[in-house]
Amino acid sequence: MKINPKNLQQSERTYTCGKKKLPYVPSKPELLKLLAYVDDVSLGFMIFVGTFQGLRIGEIVNLSWSDVDLLNGELKIVDGKNTRRYKSGYGRDRIVPINEMFLKHWKAWRLMNPEQSHVIPDEDRYGVRAPNHTLIRRYQQKLWDALKKAELLEVDFYQKNGTPRYKFHMHSFRHVCGTNLRRAGMKIEDIRDFLGHEDIETTQVYTELTRDDLREASNIAYAYPKSHLGLQKMPRMEISIDKETLKLQKEIIEKQLELARLQMTGGMVMQEVECYGNL
């Protein structure tokens, strides 16, 4: 089913597919809302793999169980993206670790698909599997359908050929992974290797995306309690002054001035203190 952008939120901006525009990173509430409308379990696992392993959609549909080491917790990505593929005819291989907290999900998924050769099952009853590019289009369409139901499908901009570029797409889950790795303190070089970037400049986008987190951390670091500075916040006192109070204050001041005059002239200070001691 083709998505008609007429009923969607739109932007009149037009871009090429350059790298200067910061990618959109879905929030946790948006991801949870989306998953509530995902009715295809394979799409759900693809979202899981993209979010926590940072794999590209092409790498996910191409991933074979023979390249998944559930004993040591590793994924072998074979023939991944390579900008020089036109010269070598082959992509780049890399090893992606599986965090221990996610191994149980991988093992459960394997038990659900014991006869399948690929992590994302698609073999028909004759064992014939659709080409990867067909699977990519199929699952991208399923994601758009779920996003539309969740009211999260939004046109970010239109490309020069008039094709809409949606704000939220399969690659967004990979951006969630890279951003979370950076927020967790992973070095940018390690994130590059984890995601399989050829150029570290591509990975630097996650430094830009987490600048607000660094700013918030610095604000927390310098937000010293006032007690550390020796300053105490005093309660504000409301004083109502009437005529009788002003008259009493005037009498006290006059007597204090008289006492001071007697002290300076050598009068009988003790008598004066006893006289005015009740004030």
C-alpha atoms as a PDB file:
ATOM      1  CA  MET A   1       0.000   0.000   0.000  1.00  0.00           C
ATOM      2  CA  LYS A   2       1.405   3.347  -1.014  1.00  0.00           C
ATOM      3  CA  ILE A   3       1.380   6.038   1.666  1.00  0.00           C
ATOM      4  CA  ASN A   4      -0.388   9.191   0.560  1.00  0.00           C
ATOM      5  CA  PRO A   5       1.305  12.150   2.240  1.00  0.00           C
ATOM      6  CA  LYS A   6      -1.721  14.435   1.796  1.00  0.00           C
ATOM      7  CA  ASN A   7      -3.085  13.590   5.228  1.00  0.00           C
ATOM      8  CA  LEU A   8       0.270  13.821   6.950  1.00  0.00           C
ATOM      9  CA  GLN A   9       2.121  16.666   8.575  1.00  0.00           C
ATOM     10  CA  GLN A  10       4.364  18.077   5.881  1.00  0.00           C
ATOM     11  CA  SER A  11       7.319  20.322   5.330  1.00  0.00           C
ATOM     12  CA  GLU A  12       7.944  22.457   2.251  1.00  0.00           C
ATOM     13  CA  ARG A  13      11.689  22.087   2.634  1.00  0.00           C
ATOM     14  CA  THR A  14      13.629  20.372  -0.107  1.00  0.00           C
ATOM     15  CA  TYR A  15      16.966  18.668   0.497  1.00  0.00           C
ATOM     16  CA  THR A  16      19.367  16.342  -1.143  1.00  0.00           C
ATOM     17  CA  CYS A  17      20.399  13.302   0.862  1.00  0.00           C
ATOM     18  CA  GLY A  18      23.474  15.035   2.258  1.00  0.00           C
ATOM     19  CA  LYS A  19      25.138  14.290   5.597  1.00  0.00           C
ATOM     20  CA  LYS A  20      24.983  17.804   7.053  1.00  0.00           C
ATOM     21  CA  LYS A  21      21.421  17.527   8.345  1.00  0.00           C
ATOM     22  CA  LEU A  22      21.243  16.006  11.823  1.00  0.00           C
ATOM     23  CA  PRO A  23      19.171  12.806  11.887  1.00  0.00           C
ATOM     24  CA  TYR A  24      15.979  12.451  13.851  1.00  0.00           C
ATOM     25  CA  VAL A  25      16.282  10.285  16.979  1.00  0.00           C
ATOM     26  CA  PRO A  26      12.960   8.882  18.262  1.00  0.00           C
ATOM     27  CA  SER A  27      12.287   9.239  21.983  1.00  0.00           C
ATOM     28  CA  LYS A  28      11.492   6.355  24.309  1.00  0.00           C
ATOM     29  CA  PRO A  29       7.773   7.286  24.508  1.00  0.00           C
ATOM     30  CA  GLU A  30       7.615   7.337  20.692  1.00  0.00           C
ATOM     31  CA  LEU A  31       9.229   3.903  20.448  1.00  0.00           C
ATOM     32  CA  LEU A  32       6.831   2.448  23.000  1.00  0.00           C
ATOM     33  CA  LYS A  33       3.867   4.002  21.206  1.00  0.00           C
ATOM     34  CA  LEU A  34       5.047   2.568  17.886  1.00  0.00           C
ATOM     35  CA  LEU A  35       5.507  -0.948  19.286  1.00  0.00           C
ATOM     36  CA  ALA A  36       1.891  -0.927  20.457  1.00  0.00           C
ATOM     37  CA  TYR A  37       0.868  -0.830  16.771  1.00  0.00           C
ATOM     38  CA  VAL A  38       3.392  -3.344  15.406  1.00  0.00           C
ATOM     39  CA  ASP A  39       1.471  -6.534  14.606  1.00  0.00           C
ATOM     40  CA  ASP A  40       4.288  -8.324  12.761  1.00  0.00           C
ATOM     41  CA  VAL A  41       6.612 -10.122  15.166  1.00  0.00           C
ATOM     42  CA  SER A  42       9.488 -10.113  12.659  1.00  0.00           C
ATOM     43  CA  LEU A  43       9.224  -6.328  12.327  1.00  0.00           C
ATOM     44  CA  GLY A  44       9.252  -6.104  16.117  1.00  0.00           C
ATOM     45  CA  PHE A  45      12.503  -8.078  16.284  1.00  0.00           C
ATOM     46  CA  MET A  46      14.020  -5.929  13.546  1.00  0.00           C
ATOM     47  CA  ILE A  47      13.243  -2.842  15.637  1.00  0.00           C
ATOM     48  CA  PHE A  48      14.906  -4.564  18.604  1.00  0.00           C
ATOM     49  CA  VAL A  49      18.052  -5.391  16.590  1.00  0.00           C
ATOM     50  CA  GLY A  50      18.279  -1.907  15.101  1.00  0.00           C
ATOM     51  CA  THR A  51      17.829  -0.201  18.461  1.00  0.00           C
ATOM     52  CA  PHE A  52      20.220  -2.301  20.552  1.00  0.00           C
ATOM     53  CA  GLN A  53      22.703  -3.654  17.987  1.00  0.00           C
ATOM     54  CA  GLY A  54      22.762  -0.685  15.621  1.00  0.00           C
ATOM     55  CA  LEU A  55      22.465  -2.794  12.475  1.00  0.00           C
ATOM     56  CA  ARG A  56      21.326  -1.338   9.178  1.00  0.00           C
ATOM     57  CA  ILE A  57      18.125  -2.793   7.741  1.00  0.00           C
ATOM     58  CA  GLY A  58      20.111  -4.420   4.932  1.00  0.00           C
ATOM     59  CA  GLU A  59      22.430  -6.043   7.476  1.00  0.00           C
ATOM     60  CA  ILE A  60      19.454  -7.315   9.483  1.00  0.00           C
ATOM     61  CA  VAL A  61      17.690  -9.047   6.585  1.00  0.00           C
ATOM     62  CA  ASN A  62      21.023 -10.470   5.398  1.00  0.00           C
ATOM     63  CA  LEU A  63      22.015 -11.849   8.827  1.00  0.00           C
ATOM     64  CA  SER A  64      22.221 -15.658   8.909  1.00  0.00           C
ATOM     65  CA  TRP A  65      22.010 -17.768  12.046  1.00  0.00           C
ATOM     66  CA  SER A  66      25.374 -19.228  11.066  1.00  0.00           C
ATOM     67  CA  ASP A  67      26.841 -15.776  11.777  1.00  0.00           C
ATOM     68  CA  VAL A  68      25.198 -15.478  15.206  1.00  0.00           C
ATOM     69  CA  ASP A  69      27.295 -16.819  18.098  1.00  0.00           C
ATOM     70  CA  LEU A  70      24.900 -17.170  21.019  1.00  0.00           C
ATOM     71  CA  LEU A  71      27.569 -18.874  23.148  1.00  0.00           C
ATOM     72  CA  ASN A  72      29.984 -15.936  23.097  1.00  0.00           C
ATOM     73  CA  GLY A  73      27.418 -13.261  22.338  1.00  0.00           C
ATOM     74  CA  GLU A  74      28.612 -12.004  18.946  1.00  0.00           C
ATOM     75  CA  LEU A  75      27.188 -11.130  15.562  1.00  0.00           C
ATOM     76  CA  LYS A  76      29.305 -11.393  12.445  1.00  0.00           C
ATOM     77  CA  ILE A  77      28.163  -8.834   9.911  1.00  0.00           C
ATOM     78  CA  VAL A  78      29.174 -10.086   6.473  1.00  0.00           C
ATOM     79  CA  ASP A  79      29.438  -7.845   3.426  1.00  0.00           C
ATOM     80  CA  GLY A  80      28.269  -4.718   5.230  1.00  0.00           C
ATOM     81  CA  LYS A  81      28.067  -1.246   3.750  1.00  0.00           C
ATOM     82  CA  ASN A  82      31.200  -0.059   1.970  1.00  0.00           C
ATOM     83  CA  THR A  83      31.499   3.167   0.008  1.00  0.00           C
ATOM     84  CA  ARG A  84      34.227   1.574  -2.149  1.00  0.00           C
ATOM     85  CA  ARG A  85      32.130  -1.454  -3.065  1.00  0.00           C
ATOM     86  CA  TYR A  86      32.245  -0.397  -6.719  1.00  0.00           C
ATOM     87  CA  LYS A  87      35.981  -1.121  -6.646  1.00  0.00           C
ATOM     88  CA  SER A  88      36.166  -4.166  -4.401  1.00  0.00           C
ATOM     89  CA  GLY A  89      32.801  -5.738  -5.260  1.00  0.00           C
ATOM     90  CA  TYR A  90      32.394  -6.578  -1.568  1.00  0.00           C
ATOM     91  CA  GLY A  91      31.384  -4.787   1.601  1.00  0.00           C
ATOM     92  CA  ARG A  92      32.991  -4.735   5.030  1.00  0.00           C
ATOM     93  CA  ASP A  93      32.852  -7.449   7.679  1.00  0.00           C
ATOM     94  CA  ARG A  94      32.738  -6.649  11.390  1.00  0.00           C
ATOM     95  CA  ILE A  95      31.964  -8.265  14.736  1.00  0.00           C
ATOM     96  CA  VAL A  96      29.205  -6.726  16.856  1.00  0.00           C
ATOM     97  CA  PRO A  97      28.967  -7.835  20.497  1.00  0.00           C
ATOM     98  CA  ILE A  98      25.626  -8.776  22.046  1.00  0.00           C
ATOM     99  CA  ASN A  99      25.123  -7.377  25.518  1.00  0.00           C
ATOM    100  CA  GLU A 100      24.463 -10.084  28.102  1.00  0.00           C
ATOM    101  CA  MET A 101      21.078  -8.578  28.996  1.00  0.00           C
ATOM    102  CA  PHE A 102      19.927  -9.131  25.385  1.00  0.00           C
ATOM    103  CA  LEU A 103      21.202 -12.681  24.890  1.00  0.00           C
ATOM    104  CA  LYS A 104      18.022 -14.189  26.332  1.00  0.00           C
ATOM    105  CA  HIS A 105      15.972 -12.396  23.661  1.00  0.00           C
ATOM    106  CA  TRP A 106      18.197 -13.721  20.890  1.00  0.00           C
ATOM    107  CA  LYS A 107      17.950 -17.262  22.282  1.00  0.00           C
ATOM    108  CA  ALA A 108      14.176 -17.009  22.562  1.00  0.00           C
ATOM    109  CA  TRP A 109      13.943 -15.767  18.958  1.00  0.00           C
ATOM    110  CA  ARG A 110      16.075 -18.677  17.814  1.00  0.00           C
ATOM    111  CA  LEU A 111      13.754 -21.152  19.558  1.00  0.00           C
ATOM    112  CA  MET A 112      10.827 -19.549  17.737  1.00  0.00           C
ATOM    113  CA  ASN A 113      12.554 -20.069  14.372  1.00  0.00           C
ATOM    114  CA  PRO A 114      14.539 -23.310  14.699  1.00  0.00           C
ATOM    115  CA  GLU A 115      14.382 -24.293  11.022  1.00  0.00           C
ATOM    116  CA  GLN A 116      15.107 -20.905   9.485  1.00  0.00           C
ATOM    117  CA  SER A 117      18.486 -20.079   7.950  1.00  0.00           C
ATOM    118  CA  HIS A 118      18.174 -16.321   8.498  1.00  0.00           C
ATOM    119  CA  VAL A 119      17.423 -14.304  11.613  1.00  0.00           C
ATOM    120  CA  ILE A 120      14.486 -12.667   9.818  1.00  0.00           C
ATOM    121  CA  PRO A 121      12.530 -15.641   8.478  1.00  0.00           C
ATOM    122  CA  ASP A 122      11.060 -15.392   5.011  1.00  0.00           C
ATOM    123  CA  GLU A 123      11.448 -18.796   3.379  1.00  0.00           C
ATOM    124  CA  ASP A 124       8.285 -20.121   1.816  1.00  0.00           C
ATOM    125  CA  ARG A 125       7.251 -23.758   2.036  1.00  0.00           C
ATOM    126  CA  TYR A 126       9.656 -24.571  -0.790  1.00  0.00           C
ATOM    127  CA  GLY A 127      12.585 -22.959   1.008  1.00  0.00           C
ATOM    128  CA  VAL A 128      12.773 -20.046  -1.420  1.00  0.00           C
ATOM    129  CA  ARG A 129      13.735 -16.715   0.118  1.00  0.00           C
ATOM    130  CA  ALA A 130      12.895 -13.306  -1.347  1.00  0.00           C
ATOM    131  CA  PRO A 131      15.816 -11.066  -2.402  1.00  0.00           C
ATOM    132  CA  ASN A 132      17.146  -8.698   0.236  1.00  0.00           C
ATOM    133  CA  HIS A 133      15.998  -5.561  -1.592  1.00  0.00           C
ATOM    134  CA  THR A 134      12.454  -6.961  -1.685  1.00  0.00           C
ATOM    135  CA  LEU A 135      12.540  -7.676   2.043  1.00  0.00           C
ATOM    136  CA  ILE A 136      13.836  -4.180   2.770  1.00  0.00           C
ATOM    137  CA  ARG A 137      10.938  -2.585   0.884  1.00  0.00           C
ATOM    138  CA  ARG A 138       8.438  -4.967   2.477  1.00  0.00           C
ATOM    139  CA  TYR A 139       9.465  -4.235   6.065  1.00  0.00           C
ATOM    140  CA  GLN A 140       9.877  -0.530   5.435  1.00  0.00           C
ATOM    141  CA  GLN A 141       6.274  -0.509   4.220  1.00  0.00           C
ATOM    142  CA  LYS A 142       5.156  -2.419   7.320  1.00  0.00           C
ATOM    143  CA  LEU A 143       6.922   0.166   9.483  1.00  0.00           C
ATOM    144  CA  TRP A 144       5.158   3.006   7.655  1.00  0.00           C
ATOM    145  CA  ASP A 145       1.813   1.294   8.211  1.00  0.00           C
ATOM    146  CA  ALA A 146       2.513   0.973  11.948  1.00  0.00           C
ATOM    147  CA  LEU A 147       3.744   4.567  12.154  1.00  0.00           C
ATOM    148  CA  LYS A 148       0.600   5.795  10.441  1.00  0.00           C
ATOM    149  CA  LYS A 149      -1.609   3.907  12.925  1.00  0.00           C
ATOM    150  CA  ALA A 150       0.420   5.375  15.799  1.00  0.00           C
ATOM    151  CA  GLU A 151       0.116   8.869  14.271  1.00  0.00           C
ATOM    152  CA  LEU A 152       3.915   9.125  14.093  1.00  0.00           C
ATOM    153  CA  LEU A 153       4.306   9.215  10.316  1.00  0.00           C
ATOM    154  CA  GLU A 154       5.482  12.692   9.392  1.00  0.00           C
ATOM    155  CA  VAL A 155       7.064  14.025   6.217  1.00  0.00           C
ATOM    156  CA  ASP A 156      10.357  15.648   7.140  1.00  0.00           C
ATOM    157  CA  PHE A 157      11.143  17.070   3.699  1.00  0.00           C
ATOM    158  CA  TYR A 158      10.779  16.408   0.007  1.00  0.00           C
ATOM    159  CA  GLN A 159      13.742  15.372  -2.058  1.00  0.00           C
ATOM    160  CA  LYS A 160      14.518  17.094  -5.351  1.00  0.00           C
ATOM    161  CA  ASN A 161      12.664  14.405  -7.304  1.00  0.00           C
ATOM    162  CA  GLY A 162       9.539  15.087  -5.210  1.00  0.00           C
ATOM    163  CA  THR A 163       9.801  11.906  -3.152  1.00  0.00           C
ATOM    164  CA  PRO A 164       8.861  12.476   0.502  1.00  0.00           C
ATOM    165  CA  ARG A 165      11.477  11.709   3.115  1.00  0.00           C
ATOM    166  CA  TYR A 166       9.814  10.652   6.337  1.00  0.00           C
ATOM    167  CA  LYS A 167      11.076  11.831   9.687  1.00  0.00           C
ATOM    168  CA  PHE A 168      10.894   8.344  11.213  1.00  0.00           C
ATOM    169  CA  HIS A 169      12.200   5.346   9.231  1.00  0.00           C
ATOM    170  CA  MET A 170      14.064   2.045   9.691  1.00  0.00           C
ATOM    171  CA  HIS A 171      17.426   3.784   9.972  1.00  0.00           C
ATOM    172  CA  SER A 172      16.103   5.819  12.924  1.00  0.00           C
ATOM    173  CA  PHE A 173      16.574   2.822  15.223  1.00  0.00           C
ATOM    174  CA  ARG A 174      20.279   2.762  14.350  1.00  0.00           C
ATOM    175  CA  HIS A 175      20.466   6.424  15.358  1.00  0.00           C
ATOM    176  CA  VAL A 176      18.848   5.552  18.698  1.00  0.00           C
ATOM    177  CA  CYS A 177      21.612   2.984  19.254  1.00  0.00           C
ATOM    178  CA  GLY A 178      24.453   5.364  18.380  1.00  0.00           C
ATOM    179  CA  THR A 179      23.024   8.149  20.529  1.00  0.00           C
ATOM    180  CA  ASN A 180      22.562   5.851  23.531  1.00  0.00           C
ATOM    181  CA  LEU A 181      26.103   4.505  23.202  1.00  0.00           C
ATOM    182  CA  ARG A 182      27.448   8.060  23.257  1.00  0.00           C
ATOM    183  CA  ARG A 183      25.268   8.981  26.230  1.00  0.00           C
ATOM    184  CA  ALA A 184      26.593   5.926  28.059  1.00  0.00           C
ATOM    185  CA  GLY A 185      30.132   7.286  27.686  1.00  0.00           C
ATOM    186  CA  MET A 186      31.475   5.083  24.887  1.00  0.00           C
ATOM    187  CA  LYS A 187      34.390   6.619  23.004  1.00  0.00           C
ATOM    188  CA  ILE A 188      33.576   7.913  19.557  1.00  0.00           C
ATOM    189  CA  GLU A 189      36.164   5.560  17.994  1.00  0.00           C
ATOM    190  CA  ASP A 190      34.469   2.555  19.618  1.00  0.00           C
ATOM    191  CA  ILE A 191      31.053   3.708  18.409  1.00  0.00           C
ATOM    192  CA  ARG A 192      32.501   3.943  14.891  1.00  0.00           C
ATOM    193  CA  ASP A 193      33.659   0.323  15.073  1.00  0.00           C
ATOM    194  CA  PHE A 194      30.408  -0.851  16.700  1.00  0.00           C
ATOM    195  CA  LEU A 195      28.248   0.713  13.971  1.00  0.00           C
ATOM    196  CA  GLY A 196      30.655  -0.068  11.137  1.00  0.00           C
ATOM    197  CA  HIS A 197      31.293   3.470   9.934  1.00  0.00           C
ATOM    198  CA  GLU A 198      34.130   3.835   7.481  1.00  0.00           C
ATOM    199  CA  ASP A 199      34.795   7.472   8.375  1.00  0.00           C
ATOM    200  CA  ILE A 200      34.769   8.740  11.949  1.00  0.00           C
ATOM    201  CA  GLU A 201      33.255  12.010  10.716  1.00  0.00           C
ATOM    202  CA  THR A 202      30.044  10.074  10.149  1.00  0.00           C
ATOM    203  CA  THR A 203      30.108   8.960  13.791  1.00  0.00           C
ATOM    204  CA  GLN A 204      30.643  12.528  15.034  1.00  0.00           C
ATOM    205  CA  VAL A 205      26.950  13.182  14.467  1.00  0.00           C
ATOM    206  CA  TYR A 206      26.243  11.444  17.796  1.00  0.00           C
ATOM    207  CA  THR A 207      28.462  13.950  19.549  1.00  0.00           C
ATOM    208  CA  GLU A 208      26.289  16.710  18.096  1.00  0.00           C
ATOM    209  CA  LEU A 209      23.098  14.908  19.102  1.00  0.00           C
ATOM    210  CA  THR A 210      24.225  14.582  22.728  1.00  0.00           C
ATOM    211  CA  ARG A 211      25.463  18.140  23.286  1.00  0.00           C
ATOM    212  CA  ASP A 212      22.356  18.932  25.300  1.00  0.00           C
ATOM    213  CA  ASP A 213      23.168  15.999  27.582  1.00  0.00           C
ATOM    214  CA  LEU A 214      26.660  17.406  28.167  1.00  0.00           C
ATOM    215  CA  ARG A 215      25.194  20.827  28.908  1.00  0.00           C
ATOM    216  CA  GLU A 216      22.750  19.321  31.395  1.00  0.00           C
ATOM    217  CA  ALA A 217      25.560  17.341  33.051  1.00  0.00           C
ATOM    218  CA  SER A 218      27.655  20.500  33.425  1.00  0.00           C
ATOM    219  CA  ASN A 219      24.710  22.341  34.960  1.00  0.00           C
ATOM    220  CA  ILE A 220      24.279  19.556  37.502  1.00  0.00           C
ATOM    221  CA  ALA A 221      28.011  19.526  38.244  1.00  0.00           C
ATOM    222  CA  TYR A 222      28.037  23.228  39.145  1.00  0.00           C
ATOM    223  CA  ALA A 223      24.677  23.365  40.898  1.00  0.00           C
ATOM    224  CA  TYR A 224      26.143  23.527  44.409  1.00  0.00           C
ATOM    225  CA  PRO A 225      23.686  23.686  47.335  1.00  0.00           C
ATOM    226  CA  LYS A 226      23.567  27.110  48.969  1.00  0.00           C
ATOM    227  CA  SER A 227      24.611  25.571  52.277  1.00  0.00           C
ATOM    228  CA  HIS A 228      28.019  24.823  50.738  1.00  0.00           C
ATOM    229  CA  LEU A 229      28.522  28.544  50.233  1.00  0.00           C
ATOM    230  CA  GLY A 230      27.646  29.437  53.808  1.00  0.00           C
ATOM    231  CA  LEU A 231      24.518  31.281  52.743  1.00  0.00           C
ATOM    232  CA  GLN A 232      21.291  30.628  54.554  1.00  0.00           C
ATOM    233  CA  LYS A 233      17.981  31.659  53.127  1.00  0.00           C
ATOM    234  CA  MET A 234      16.293  33.685  55.847  1.00  0.00           C
ATOM    235  CA  PRO A 235      12.528  33.690  56.184  1.00  0.00           C
ATOM    236  CA  ARG A 236      10.886  36.876  55.053  1.00  0.00           C
ATOM    237  CA  MET A 237       9.254  38.804  57.934  1.00  0.00           C
ATOM    238  CA  GLU A 238       6.256  40.996  57.350  1.00  0.00           C
ATOM    239  CA  ILE A 239       6.167  43.961  59.809  1.00  0.00           C
ATOM    240  CA  SER A 240       3.186  46.206  60.213  1.00  0.00           C
ATOM    241  CA  ILE A 241       4.070  49.637  61.666  1.00  0.00           C
ATOM    242  CA  ASP A 242       1.364  51.738  63.264  1.00  0.00           C
ATOM    243  CA  LYS A 243       1.441  55.127  65.080  1.00  0.00           C
ATOM    244  CA  GLU A 244       1.957  53.597  68.542  1.00  0.00           C
ATOM    245  CA  THR A 245       4.971  51.631  67.342  1.00  0.00           C
ATOM    246  CA  LEU A 246       6.536  54.697  65.761  1.00  0.00           C
ATOM    247  CA  LYS A 247       5.953  56.689  69.006  1.00  0.00           C
ATOM    248  CA  LEU A 248       7.609  53.964  71.109  1.00  0.00           C
ATOM    249  CA  GLN A 249      10.602  53.821  68.759  1.00  0.00           C
ATOM    250  CA  LYS A 250      10.967  57.595  69.007  1.00  0.00           C
ATOM    251  CA  GLU A 251      10.987  57.467  72.829  1.00  0.00           C
ATOM    252  CA  ILE A 252      13.574  54.666  72.867  1.00  0.00           C
ATOM    253  CA  ILE A 253      15.881  56.583  70.508  1.00  0.00           C
ATOM    254  CA  GLU A 254      15.584  59.729  72.599  1.00  0.00           C
ATOM    255  CA  LYS A 255      16.440  57.912  75.810  1.00  0.00           C
ATOM    256  CA  GLN A 256      19.369  56.135  74.113  1.00  0.00           C
ATOM    257  CA  LEU A 257      20.704  59.488  72.948  1.00  0.00           C
ATOM    258  CA  GLU A 258      20.299  60.916  76.465  1.00  0.00           C
ATOM    259  CA  LEU A 259      22.172  57.925  77.925  1.00  0.00           C
ATOM    260  CA  ALA A 260      24.977  58.417  75.457  1.00  0.00           C
ATOM    261  CA  ARG A 261      25.221  62.114  76.349  1.00  0.00           C
ATOM    262  CA  LEU A 262      25.506  61.332  80.064  1.00  0.00           C
ATOM    263  CA  GLN A 263      28.236  58.742  79.406  1.00  0.00           C
ATOM    264  CA  MET A 264      30.236  61.257  77.421  1.00  0.00           C
ATOM    265  CA  THR A 265      29.922  63.962  80.102  1.00  0.00           C
ATOM    266  CA  GLY A 266      30.864  61.632  82.966  1.00  0.00           C
ATOM    267  CA  GLY A 267      27.395  61.611  84.596  1.00  0.00           C
ATOM    268  CA  MET A 268      26.116  58.845  86.770  1.00  0.00           C
ATOM    269  CA  VAL A 269      25.939  56.094  84.163  1.00  0.00           C
ATOM    270  CA  MET A 270      24.764  53.321  86.500  1.00  0.00           C
ATOM    271  CA  GLN A 271      21.738  55.323  87.626  1.00  0.00           C
ATOM    272  CA  GLU A 272      20.766  56.034  84.044  1.00  0.00           C
ATOM    273  CA  VAL A 273      21.105  52.342  83.096  1.00  0.00           C
ATOM    274  CA  GLU A 274      18.840  51.326  86.000  1.00  0.00           C
ATOM    275  CA  CYS A 275      16.353  53.991  84.960  1.00  0.00           C
ATOM    276  CA  TYR A 276      16.150  52.895  81.351  1.00  0.00           C
ATOM    277  CA  GLY A 277      16.909  49.207  81.814  1.00  0.00           C
ATOM    278  CA  ASN A 278      13.281  48.213  81.407  1.00  0.00           C
ATOM    279  CA  LEU A 279      13.097  49.483  77.819  1.00  0.00           C
END
